Amino acid sequence: MKTEGRNPSPPELNEEDKSRITVLFLETMVPKLRRHHARVGALNCGFAGKRYRSWNLRFTSAGPDFRIMGFEYDADTREFDLGT
């Protein structure tokens, strides 16, 4: 079967990657999301380091806290500055 024109499978995050992103999300991004009154959305994972720039996370608020709903690979994603 021909595979020309097909995109290779996207990379996957392992549990260590997900844990690192989650910790940094809670420590650095949640305070910014609170300041902007965010409730639900998608956020580029570049805040966790260069190797995660092609990943987005989907989040939702859970009372006063936030929860990551999942991760998505997107080679064309860009970071969005939420300020300091």
N, C-alpha and C. Protein backbone atom coordinates (compact mmCIF):
# COMPACT_ATOMS: atom_id res chain seq x y z
N MET A 1 0.83 -1.17 0.00
CA MET A 1 0.00 0.00 0.00
C MET A 1 0.88 1.24 0.00
N LYS A 2 0.53 2.24 -0.84
CA LYS A 2 1.31 3.47 -0.91
C LYS A 2 1.08 4.32 0.34
N THR A 3 2.17 4.98 0.77
CA THR A 3 2.06 5.88 1.92
C THR A 3 2.42 7.30 1.55
N GLU A 4 2.66 7.53 0.26
CA GLU A 4 2.99 8.89 -0.17
C GLU A 4 1.83 9.82 0.14
N GLY A 5 2.20 11.02 0.59
CA GLY A 5 1.18 12.02 0.88
C GLY A 5 0.56 11.88 2.26
N ARG A 6 0.89 10.81 2.95
CA ARG A 6 0.37 10.63 4.30
C ARG A 6 1.33 11.26 5.30
N ASN A 7 0.76 11.87 6.31
CA ASN A 7 1.58 12.44 7.36
C ASN A 7 2.00 11.35 8.33
N PRO A 8 3.24 11.39 8.80
CA PRO A 8 3.64 10.41 9.79
C PRO A 8 2.85 10.64 11.08
N SER A 9 2.80 9.62 11.91
CA SER A 9 2.09 9.75 13.19
C SER A 9 2.72 10.86 14.00
N PRO A 10 1.87 11.67 14.67
CA PRO A 10 2.44 12.74 15.50
C PRO A 10 3.15 12.14 16.71
N PRO A 11 4.09 12.86 17.27
CA PRO A 11 4.76 12.36 18.47
C PRO A 11 3.75 12.26 19.62
N GLU A 12 4.12 11.52 20.62
CA GLU A 12 3.25 11.38 21.78
C GLU A 12 3.97 11.86 23.02
N LEU A 13 3.20 12.38 23.97
CA LEU A 13 3.75 12.76 25.26
C LEU A 13 3.71 11.55 26.18
N ASN A 14 4.81 11.32 26.89
CA ASN A 14 4.77 10.25 27.89
C ASN A 14 4.27 10.84 29.22
N GLU A 15 4.11 10.00 30.21
CA GLU A 15 3.56 10.45 31.50
C GLU A 15 4.46 11.48 32.17
N GLU A 16 5.77 11.34 31.99
CA GLU A 16 6.71 12.32 32.57
C GLU A 16 6.52 13.69 31.91
N ASP A 17 6.35 13.72 30.60
CA ASP A 17 6.09 14.97 29.89
C ASP A 17 4.81 15.62 30.39
N LYS A 18 3.75 14.82 30.48
CA LYS A 18 2.45 15.33 30.92
C LYS A 18 2.54 15.87 32.34
N SER A 19 3.26 15.17 33.19
CA SER A 19 3.43 15.61 34.57
C SER A 19 4.17 16.94 34.64
N ARG A 20 5.25 17.06 33.86
CA ARG A 20 6.03 18.30 33.84
C ARG A 20 5.17 19.47 33.37
N ILE A 21 4.44 19.28 32.28
CA ILE A 21 3.57 20.33 31.75
C ILE A 21 2.51 20.70 32.78
N THR A 22 1.92 19.70 33.42
CA THR A 22 0.86 19.96 34.40
C THR A 22 1.37 20.77 35.57
N VAL A 23 2.52 20.41 36.11
CA VAL A 23 3.09 21.16 37.24
C VAL A 23 3.34 22.61 36.84
N LEU A 24 3.96 22.82 35.69
CA LEU A 24 4.24 24.19 35.25
C LEU A 24 2.97 24.95 34.91
N PHE A 25 1.97 24.27 34.37
CA PHE A 25 0.67 24.89 34.11
C PHE A 25 0.08 25.40 35.42
N LEU A 26 0.06 24.56 36.44
CA LEU A 26 -0.53 24.95 37.72
C LEU A 26 0.26 26.07 38.39
N GLU A 27 1.58 26.02 38.29
CA GLU A 27 2.42 27.02 38.95
C GLU A 27 2.48 28.36 38.22
N THR A 28 2.58 28.32 36.90
CA THR A 28 2.82 29.57 36.17
C THR A 28 1.64 30.09 35.37
N MET A 29 0.83 29.20 34.83
CA MET A 29 -0.23 29.65 33.94
C MET A 29 -1.57 29.87 34.64
N VAL A 30 -1.89 29.05 35.64
CA VAL A 30 -3.17 29.21 36.32
C VAL A 30 -3.34 30.61 36.92
N PRO A 31 -2.32 31.17 37.59
CA PRO A 31 -2.50 32.54 38.10
C PRO A 31 -2.83 33.55 36.98
N LYS A 32 -2.23 33.37 35.83
CA LYS A 32 -2.51 34.27 34.69
C LYS A 32 -3.92 34.05 34.17
N LEU A 33 -4.34 32.80 34.09
CA LEU A 33 -5.70 32.50 33.64
C LEU A 33 -6.73 33.09 34.60
N ARG A 34 -6.45 33.01 35.88
CA ARG A 34 -7.36 33.62 36.87
C ARG A 34 -7.48 35.12 36.67
N ARG A 35 -6.34 35.78 36.44
CA ARG A 35 -6.36 37.24 36.23
C ARG A 35 -7.20 37.62 35.00
N HIS A 36 -7.22 36.73 34.03
CA HIS A 36 -7.98 36.98 32.79
C HIS A 36 -9.39 36.39 32.85
N HIS A 37 -9.77 35.87 34.02
CA HIS A 37 -11.10 35.28 34.22
C HIS A 37 -11.40 34.17 33.22
N ALA A 38 -10.39 33.39 32.88
CA ALA A 38 -10.56 32.28 31.95
C ALA A 38 -11.37 31.17 32.60
N ARG A 39 -12.12 30.47 31.80
CA ARG A 39 -12.92 29.34 32.29
C ARG A 39 -12.67 28.06 31.50
N VAL A 40 -12.49 28.20 30.20
CA VAL A 40 -12.27 27.04 29.35
C VAL A 40 -11.47 27.49 28.13
N GLY A 41 -10.63 26.62 27.60
CA GLY A 41 -9.87 27.02 26.41
C GLY A 41 -8.74 26.07 26.09
N ALA A 42 -7.91 26.51 25.19
CA ALA A 42 -6.71 25.77 24.77
C ALA A 42 -5.52 26.70 24.93
N LEU A 43 -4.41 26.14 25.30
CA LEU A 43 -3.21 26.92 25.58
C LEU A 43 -2.01 26.18 25.03
N ASN A 44 -1.13 26.91 24.35
CA ASN A 44 0.11 26.33 23.85
C ASN A 44 1.00 25.95 25.03
N CYS A 45 1.69 24.83 24.92
CA CYS A 45 2.53 24.33 26.02
C CYS A 45 3.96 24.83 25.98
N GLY A 46 4.25 25.84 25.17
CA GLY A 46 5.60 26.39 25.09
C GLY A 46 6.12 26.90 26.42
N PHE A 47 5.24 27.24 27.35
CA PHE A 47 5.64 27.70 28.68
C PHE A 47 6.44 26.63 29.42
N ALA A 48 6.31 25.37 29.01
CA ALA A 48 7.00 24.26 29.67
C ALA A 48 8.35 23.95 29.03
N GLY A 49 8.69 24.66 27.96
CA GLY A 49 9.97 24.45 27.30
C GLY A 49 9.83 24.28 25.80
N LYS A 50 10.94 24.48 25.09
CA LYS A 50 10.94 24.43 23.63
C LYS A 50 10.40 23.12 23.06
N ARG A 51 10.68 22.02 23.72
CA ARG A 51 10.26 20.73 23.16
C ARG A 51 8.75 20.54 23.16
N TYR A 52 8.03 21.43 23.86
CA TYR A 52 6.58 21.31 23.94
C TYR A 52 5.85 22.38 23.12
N ARG A 53 6.59 23.13 22.32
CA ARG A 53 5.99 24.23 21.55
C ARG A 53 4.94 23.77 20.53
N SER A 54 4.99 22.53 20.13
CA SER A 54 4.02 22.03 19.15
C SER A 54 2.85 21.30 19.82
N TRP A 55 2.70 21.52 21.10
CA TRP A 55 1.62 20.89 21.85
C TRP A 55 0.69 21.95 22.45
N ASN A 56 -0.57 21.64 22.47
CA ASN A 56 -1.58 22.47 23.14
C ASN A 56 -2.22 21.62 24.23
N LEU A 57 -2.68 22.29 25.26
CA LEU A 57 -3.49 21.59 26.25
C LEU A 57 -4.87 22.23 26.27
N ARG A 58 -5.86 21.42 26.53
CA ARG A 58 -7.23 21.91 26.70
C ARG A 58 -7.50 21.94 28.20
N PHE A 59 -8.03 23.06 28.68
CA PHE A 59 -8.28 23.20 30.12
C PHE A 59 -9.71 23.66 30.37
N THR A 60 -10.14 23.44 31.60
CA THR A 60 -11.42 23.95 32.05
C THR A 60 -11.27 24.34 33.52
N SER A 61 -12.11 25.26 33.96
CA SER A 61 -12.09 25.60 35.38
C SER A 61 -12.88 24.54 36.13
N ALA A 62 -12.47 24.31 37.37
CA ALA A 62 -13.14 23.37 38.25
C ALA A 62 -13.25 24.06 39.60
N GLY A 63 -14.30 24.85 39.75
CA GLY A 63 -14.41 25.70 40.95
C GLY A 63 -13.31 26.74 40.88
N PRO A 64 -12.54 26.90 41.95
CA PRO A 64 -11.45 27.88 41.93
C PRO A 64 -10.19 27.37 41.23
N ASP A 65 -10.19 26.10 40.89
CA ASP A 65 -9.01 25.48 40.28
C ASP A 65 -9.22 25.25 38.78
N PHE A 66 -8.18 24.75 38.15
CA PHE A 66 -8.23 24.41 36.72
C PHE A 66 -7.82 22.97 36.54
N ARG A 67 -8.34 22.36 35.48
CA ARG A 67 -8.05 20.97 35.18
C ARG A 67 -7.67 20.86 33.71
N ILE A 68 -6.64 20.09 33.43
CA ILE A 68 -6.25 19.81 32.04
C ILE A 68 -7.12 18.66 31.55
N MET A 69 -7.78 18.90 30.42
CA MET A 69 -8.70 17.90 29.86
C MET A 69 -8.01 17.00 28.83
N GLY A 70 -6.91 17.49 28.26
CA GLY A 70 -6.20 16.68 27.28
C GLY A 70 -5.12 17.46 26.59
N PHE A 71 -4.32 16.76 25.80
CA PHE A 71 -3.22 17.35 25.05
C PHE A 71 -3.41 17.05 23.57
N GLU A 72 -3.03 18.01 22.73
CA GLU A 72 -3.14 17.84 21.28
C GLU A 72 -1.87 18.33 20.61
N TYR A 73 -1.39 17.56 19.67
CA TYR A 73 -0.22 17.94 18.89
C TYR A 73 -0.67 18.78 17.69
N ASP A 74 0.03 19.88 17.46
CA ASP A 74 -0.26 20.74 16.30
C ASP A 74 1.05 21.41 15.89
N ALA A 75 1.63 20.96 14.81
CA ALA A 75 2.92 21.48 14.35
C ALA A 75 2.86 22.97 14.02
N ASP A 76 1.67 23.50 13.76
CA ASP A 76 1.52 24.90 13.38
C ASP A 76 1.06 25.81 14.51
N THR A 77 0.97 25.30 15.73
CA THR A 77 0.48 26.11 16.84
C THR A 77 1.48 27.20 17.20
N ARG A 78 1.00 28.24 17.81
CA ARG A 78 1.84 29.37 18.24
C ARG A 78 1.52 29.73 19.68
N GLU A 79 2.51 30.28 20.37
CA GLU A 79 2.31 30.72 21.75
C GLU A 79 1.51 32.00 21.80
N PHE A 80 0.80 32.19 22.90
CA PHE A 80 0.01 33.38 23.15
C PHE A 80 0.47 33.94 24.48
N ASP A 81 0.87 35.21 24.49
CA ASP A 81 1.39 35.83 25.70
C ASP A 81 0.25 36.31 26.59
N LEU A 82 0.15 35.74 27.79
CA LEU A 82 -0.87 36.16 28.74
C LEU A 82 -0.37 37.25 29.67
N GLY A 83 0.84 37.72 29.47
CA GLY A 83 1.41 38.75 30.33
C GLY A 83 2.05 38.14 31.55
N THR A 84 2.48 39.02 32.46
CA THR A 84 3.16 38.54 33.66
C THR A 84 2.26 38.54 34.85
